[in-house]
Amino acid sequence: MTVQVSNRAKGLMMVITGAALWGLSGIAAQVLFQEKQITAQWLVVVRMMMAGSALLLFAVCKWMTIFSIWRDGKSIVRLLLFGLIGMLGVQYTYFASIATGNAAIATLLQYLAPVYVVLYDIVVKRHRPAKEVMLAVILALLGTFLLITNGSTGELKVPLASVGWGILSGIALAFYTLSSAQMLKKWDSIIIVGWGMVIGGGGMCLVFPPFPLPEAVRWDEETWLLILFVVVFGTLFAFLLFVESIRYLSPAESSVLSSVEPLSSIIASIAFLHVPFSLFQAIGAVCVIATVFLLSPKKEKQLSQPT
């Protein structure tokens, strides 16, 4: 007996699976940083170079012309800025936030990116915010306060360095979103993200070359399996599943459903890493995730979250 699966159900399964893999990759990275002595710099280089190359290879297999973008002068400048500032900025600050804190809080702080985009529109473009936008900003501020203080102003529950990197990660993701907007009108997201990762990873290689392998790291089987999970499942497959889901769902629906990412990160942090998560922090997490629903993009085409 053959079970028919609707296109919408396929899209839902794809986006939820992809978002969950993103969240779990943060947990894998936390183990690599805090138990295996892998550095954020090393993992960023390896993740970006390997996943970016694989995405470009995938594009070639789908008969996409991956080098055409390099014959467009304006696109070259935008792509370089996107790769070296947007993509690299998002990747490094996110992993640095995990390395100095934990994956759950780092992911939630990065999810404040839509709020920074809104603030950019208000301050720079002089757009008058709608009521739901102002509500989203208030929820984001309240959520962030509860996440890092657990409702008490007397003591931070999250290391200050992790909070700082997490906020920078959200700002970098906002830049990533804004800087890719013009390119997405002309080029496929797989090509943009693939080249962005290769450019950002290549730039990072100049400062932090991945070889020879760091001697302080515990290079056992578990270490390599975790690295493989971060690169293949938590980056490559997660992105492709998200992109494919847009064939069956609207970009706004895919974006909202990608909020499974912080949820999976929180659940996995509590279940596998025994990270304490109090009631007030849980309320803060709900506030932050609610901003995604209020500020979900209505554009027809967009990039996935890069975490």
Protein backbone atom coordinates (compact mmCIF):
# COMPACT_ATOMS: atom_id res chain seq x y z
CA MET A 1 0.00 0.00 0.00
CA THR A 2 1.49 3.34 -1.10
CA VAL A 3 1.02 6.30 1.20
CA GLN A 4 0.53 9.58 -0.66
CA VAL A 5 2.28 12.55 0.97
CA SER A 6 1.00 15.98 -0.02
CA ASN A 7 3.42 18.63 -1.24
CA ARG A 8 2.62 20.77 1.79
CA ALA A 9 3.43 17.88 4.13
CA LYS A 10 6.74 17.40 2.30
CA GLY A 11 7.56 21.07 2.76
CA LEU A 12 6.68 20.95 6.45
CA MET A 13 8.87 17.89 7.03
CA MET A 14 11.77 19.47 5.12
CA VAL A 15 11.78 22.81 6.92
CA ILE A 16 11.28 21.28 10.38
CA THR A 17 14.03 18.69 9.79
CA GLY A 18 16.40 21.32 8.42
CA ALA A 19 15.77 23.69 11.32
CA ALA A 20 16.23 20.88 13.86
CA LEU A 21 19.56 19.96 12.24
CA TRP A 22 20.70 23.58 12.52
CA GLY A 23 19.85 23.58 16.20
CA LEU A 24 21.57 20.24 16.85
CA SER A 25 24.71 21.39 15.01
CA GLY A 26 25.09 24.09 17.65
CA ILE A 27 25.00 21.42 20.34
CA ALA A 28 27.64 19.40 18.48
CA ALA A 29 29.78 22.54 18.22
CA GLN A 30 29.44 23.16 21.96
CA VAL A 31 30.79 19.67 22.70
CA LEU A 32 33.69 20.24 20.28
CA PHE A 33 34.58 23.55 21.94
CA GLN A 34 34.17 22.62 25.57
CA GLU A 35 35.17 18.94 25.63
CA LYS A 36 37.42 18.38 22.59
CA GLN A 37 39.33 21.70 22.69
CA ILE A 38 38.45 22.60 19.10
CA THR A 39 38.59 26.38 18.58
CA ALA A 40 35.79 28.40 17.04
CA GLN A 41 38.21 29.73 14.41
CA TRP A 42 39.22 26.24 13.25
CA LEU A 43 35.65 24.95 13.04
CA VAL A 44 34.46 28.06 11.16
CA VAL A 45 37.15 27.59 8.49
CA VAL A 46 36.46 23.88 8.05
CA ARG A 47 32.67 24.28 8.09
CA MET A 48 32.60 27.12 5.58
CA MET A 49 35.13 25.73 3.12
CA MET A 50 33.70 22.20 3.07
CA ALA A 51 30.01 23.13 3.07
CA GLY A 52 30.51 25.99 0.60
CA SER A 53 32.40 23.77 -1.85
CA ALA A 54 29.73 21.08 -1.54
CA LEU A 55 26.95 23.60 -2.24
CA LEU A 56 28.71 24.82 -5.38
CA LEU A 57 29.22 21.22 -6.52
CA PHE A 58 25.52 20.59 -5.91
CA ALA A 59 24.71 23.67 -8.02
CA VAL A 60 26.88 22.33 -10.86
CA CYS A 61 25.08 18.97 -10.67
CA LYS A 62 21.81 20.88 -11.13
CA TRP A 63 23.27 22.55 -14.25
CA MET A 64 23.59 25.98 -12.64
CA THR A 65 26.28 28.31 -13.99
CA ILE A 66 28.19 29.08 -10.82
CA PHE A 67 30.80 31.40 -12.41
CA SER A 68 28.40 33.81 -14.13
CA ILE A 69 28.14 35.88 -10.95
CA TRP A 70 31.86 36.71 -11.28
CA ARG A 71 31.22 38.45 -14.61
CA ASP A 72 28.88 41.00 -13.05
CA GLY A 73 30.81 43.92 -11.52
CA LYS A 74 28.16 45.00 -8.99
CA SER A 75 27.49 41.41 -7.95
CA ILE A 76 31.21 40.79 -7.36
CA VAL A 77 31.44 43.66 -4.86
CA ARG A 78 28.24 42.60 -3.12
CA LEU A 79 29.34 38.96 -3.02
CA LEU A 80 32.72 39.83 -1.49
CA LEU A 81 31.07 41.98 1.20
CA PHE A 82 28.48 39.29 1.81
CA GLY A 83 31.12 36.56 2.18
CA LEU A 84 33.74 38.44 4.19
CA ILE A 85 31.42 40.45 6.47
CA GLY A 86 27.99 38.85 6.37
CA MET A 87 28.66 35.13 6.11
CA LEU A 88 31.95 35.06 8.00
CA GLY A 89 30.61 37.49 10.59
CA VAL A 90 27.54 35.34 11.28
CA GLN A 91 29.48 32.08 11.45
CA TYR A 92 32.29 33.28 13.69
CA THR A 93 30.24 35.32 16.16
CA TYR A 94 27.70 32.49 16.52
CA PHE A 95 30.37 29.90 17.27
CA ALA A 96 32.22 32.31 19.58
CA SER A 97 28.99 32.82 21.53
CA ILE A 98 28.62 29.03 21.88
CA ALA A 99 32.27 28.59 22.89
CA THR A 100 31.95 31.16 25.69
CA GLY A 101 28.43 30.16 26.77
CA ASN A 102 26.03 27.58 25.36
CA ALA A 103 24.30 26.78 22.08
CA ALA A 104 20.74 27.45 23.27
CA ILE A 105 21.37 31.05 24.36
CA ALA A 106 23.64 31.74 21.34
CA THR A 107 20.90 30.59 18.94
CA LEU A 108 18.21 32.65 20.64
CA LEU A 109 20.38 35.79 20.66
CA GLN A 110 21.03 35.33 16.94
CA TYR A 111 17.27 35.13 16.39
CA LEU A 112 17.06 38.81 17.35
CA ALA A 113 18.31 39.64 13.82
CA PRO A 114 14.83 40.66 12.51
CA VAL A 115 14.66 43.26 15.27
CA TYR A 116 17.93 44.82 14.07
CA VAL A 117 16.58 44.90 10.51
CA VAL A 118 13.48 46.71 11.80
CA LEU A 119 15.61 49.20 13.75
CA TYR A 120 17.66 49.82 10.58
CA ASP A 121 14.46 50.60 8.68
CA ILE A 122 13.27 52.96 11.43
CA VAL A 123 16.55 54.84 11.96
CA VAL A 124 18.13 54.85 8.50
CA LYS A 125 15.15 54.63 6.15
CA ARG A 126 12.80 56.60 8.41
CA HIS A 127 10.06 53.98 8.09
CA ARG A 128 7.19 54.37 10.52
CA PRO A 129 6.83 51.06 12.39
CA ALA A 130 3.50 49.25 12.57
CA LYS A 131 2.00 48.23 15.91
CA GLU A 132 2.99 44.58 15.54
CA VAL A 133 6.55 45.66 14.79
CA MET A 134 6.77 47.70 17.97
CA LEU A 135 5.29 44.77 19.91
CA ALA A 136 7.97 42.51 18.42
CA VAL A 137 10.74 44.90 19.51
CA ILE A 138 9.33 45.05 23.05
CA LEU A 139 9.06 41.25 23.19
CA ALA A 140 12.62 40.90 21.93
CA LEU A 141 13.99 43.26 24.59
CA LEU A 142 11.99 41.54 27.33
CA GLY A 143 13.05 38.11 26.10
CA THR A 144 16.72 39.06 26.00
CA PHE A 145 16.52 40.51 29.52
CA LEU A 146 14.95 37.30 30.88
CA LEU A 147 17.40 35.07 29.03
CA ILE A 148 20.54 36.68 30.39
CA THR A 149 19.33 37.67 33.88
CA ASN A 150 16.63 35.08 34.70
CA GLY A 151 14.47 38.00 35.83
CA SER A 152 16.99 39.39 38.33
CA THR A 153 19.11 42.50 37.73
CA GLY A 154 21.60 41.46 40.37
CA GLU A 155 23.48 38.81 38.43
CA LEU A 156 23.95 37.66 34.83
CA LYS A 157 23.06 34.01 34.25
CA VAL A 158 24.98 33.94 30.97
CA PRO A 159 28.67 34.93 30.59
CA LEU A 160 28.98 38.52 29.38
CA ALA A 161 31.31 37.45 26.55
CA SER A 162 28.70 35.01 25.26
CA VAL A 163 26.01 37.70 25.37
CA GLY A 164 28.26 40.10 23.48
CA TRP A 165 29.10 37.59 20.77
CA GLY A 166 25.43 36.58 20.54
CA ILE A 167 24.30 40.17 20.02
CA LEU A 168 27.01 40.65 17.38
CA SER A 169 25.80 37.44 15.75
CA GLY A 170 22.29 38.87 15.46
CA ILE A 171 23.66 42.12 14.00
CA ALA A 172 25.81 40.15 11.53
CA LEU A 173 22.77 38.10 10.50
CA ALA A 174 20.83 41.32 9.92
CA PHE A 175 23.65 42.55 7.65
CA TYR A 176 23.70 39.13 5.97
CA THR A 177 19.98 39.46 5.22
CA LEU A 178 20.15 43.03 3.94
CA SER A 179 23.33 42.56 1.88
CA SER A 180 21.94 39.53 0.06
CA ALA A 181 18.67 41.18 -0.98
CA GLN A 182 19.88 42.64 -4.29
CA MET A 183 21.79 39.50 -5.30
CA LEU A 184 18.76 37.28 -4.69
CA LYS A 185 16.88 39.16 -7.41
CA LYS A 186 19.36 37.83 -9.96
CA TRP A 187 21.12 34.74 -8.58
CA ASP A 188 20.04 31.50 -6.92
CA SER A 189 20.46 31.31 -3.14
CA ILE A 190 22.56 28.11 -3.41
CA ILE A 191 25.13 29.95 -5.55
CA ILE A 192 25.19 32.99 -3.25
CA VAL A 193 25.56 30.97 -0.05
CA GLY A 194 28.07 28.56 -1.63
CA TRP A 195 30.37 31.34 -2.82
CA GLY A 196 29.78 33.32 0.39
CA MET A 197 31.01 30.39 2.47
CA VAL A 198 34.04 29.78 0.24
CA ILE A 199 34.96 33.49 0.27
CA GLY A 200 34.47 33.85 4.03
CA GLY A 201 36.24 30.58 4.79
CA GLY A 202 39.09 31.46 2.44
CA GLY A 203 39.53 34.82 4.11
CA MET A 204 39.58 33.14 7.53
CA CYS A 205 42.18 30.65 6.26
CA LEU A 206 44.65 33.50 5.74
CA VAL A 207 44.54 34.28 9.48
CA PHE A 208 43.75 30.85 10.96
CA PRO A 209 44.98 28.10 8.60
CA PRO A 210 43.35 24.74 9.43
CA PHE A 211 46.53 22.75 8.82
CA PRO A 212 48.52 21.35 10.49
CA LEU A 213 45.83 20.03 12.83
CA PRO A 214 45.90 21.61 16.32
CA GLU A 215 47.86 19.36 18.68
CA ALA A 216 45.80 20.23 21.77
CA VAL A 217 42.64 18.69 20.30
CA ARG A 218 41.46 15.19 21.20
CA TRP A 219 41.40 13.70 17.69
CA ASP A 220 39.33 10.64 18.48
CA GLU A 221 36.46 9.05 16.53
CA GLU A 222 33.82 11.08 18.39
CA THR A 223 35.57 14.33 17.45
CA TRP A 224 35.55 13.51 13.74
CA LEU A 225 31.92 12.35 13.86
CA LEU A 226 30.87 15.62 15.51
CA ILE A 227 32.78 17.66 12.92
CA LEU A 228 31.15 15.62 10.15
CA PHE A 229 27.71 16.24 11.68
CA VAL A 230 28.28 20.01 11.88
CA VAL A 231 29.49 20.27 8.27
CA VAL A 232 27.28 17.73 6.47
CA PHE A 233 24.04 17.51 8.44
CA GLY A 234 24.04 20.78 10.37
CA THR A 235 25.08 22.94 7.42
CA LEU A 236 24.81 21.33 3.98
CA PHE A 237 21.69 19.17 4.44
CA ALA A 238 19.99 21.74 6.67
CA PHE A 239 20.36 24.48 4.07
CA LEU A 240 19.28 22.29 1.15
CA LEU A 241 16.20 21.06 3.04
CA PHE A 242 15.23 24.66 3.80
CA VAL A 243 15.69 25.76 0.19
CA GLU A 244 13.72 22.78 -1.14
CA SER A 245 10.89 23.42 1.34
CA ILE A 246 10.19 26.77 -0.35
CA ARG A 247 9.04 24.81 -3.40
CA TYR A 248 6.07 23.61 -1.34
CA LEU A 249 5.60 26.39 1.24
CA SER A 250 5.71 30.17 1.12
CA PRO A 251 9.01 31.77 2.25
CA ALA A 252 7.14 33.35 5.17
CA GLU A 253 5.88 29.95 6.33
CA SER A 254 9.37 28.43 5.99
CA SER A 255 10.90 31.29 7.95
CA VAL A 256 8.39 30.97 10.80
CA LEU A 257 8.75 27.19 10.96
CA SER A 258 12.54 27.56 11.11
CA SER A 259 11.98 28.69 14.71
CA VAL A 260 12.22 24.96 15.41
CA GLU A 261 15.98 25.64 15.42
CA PRO A 262 16.18 27.37 18.83
CA LEU A 263 13.60 24.96 20.23
CA SER A 264 15.67 21.93 19.21
CA SER A 265 18.78 23.62 20.58
CA ILE A 266 17.11 24.27 23.95
CA ILE A 267 15.70 20.75 24.25
CA ALA A 268 19.00 19.11 23.26
CA SER A 269 20.98 21.37 25.63
CA ILE A 270 18.79 20.33 28.54
CA ALA A 271 18.59 16.64 27.58
CA PHE A 272 22.17 15.91 26.52
CA LEU A 273 24.35 18.64 28.04
CA HIS A 274 22.30 19.21 31.21
CA VAL A 275 22.33 22.97 30.69
CA PRO A 276 20.10 24.62 33.35
CA PHE A 277 17.16 26.52 31.87
CA SER A 278 14.88 28.25 34.36
CA LEU A 279 11.23 29.29 34.08
CA PHE A 280 12.05 32.95 33.43
CA GLN A 281 14.58 31.98 30.75
CA ALA A 282 11.95 29.76 29.14
CA ILE A 283 9.57 32.73 29.08
CA GLY A 284 12.36 34.80 27.54
CA ALA A 285 12.86 32.15 24.85
CA VAL A 286 9.14 32.25 24.01
CA CYS A 287 9.31 36.05 23.71
CA VAL A 288 12.26 35.89 21.30
CA ILE A 289 10.67 33.16 19.15
CA ALA A 290 7.42 35.16 19.06
CA THR A 291 9.28 37.97 17.29
CA VAL A 292 9.91 35.60 14.36
CA PHE A 293 6.17 35.15 13.92
CA LEU A 294 5.50 38.88 14.17
CA LEU A 295 8.33 39.87 11.82
CA SER A 296 8.24 36.94 9.39
CA PRO A 297 9.37 38.19 5.95
CA LYS A 298 6.76 38.40 3.23
CA LYS A 299 9.25 38.45 0.37
CA GLU A 300 9.01 35.81 -2.32
CA LYS A 301 12.64 34.82 -2.11
CA GLN A 302 15.12 34.75 0.76
CA LEU A 303 18.18 33.06 2.18
CA SER A 304 17.95 30.55 4.95
CA GLN A 305 19.33 31.16 8.42
CA PRO A 306 23.11 30.55 8.33
CA THR A 307 23.75 29.12 11.71
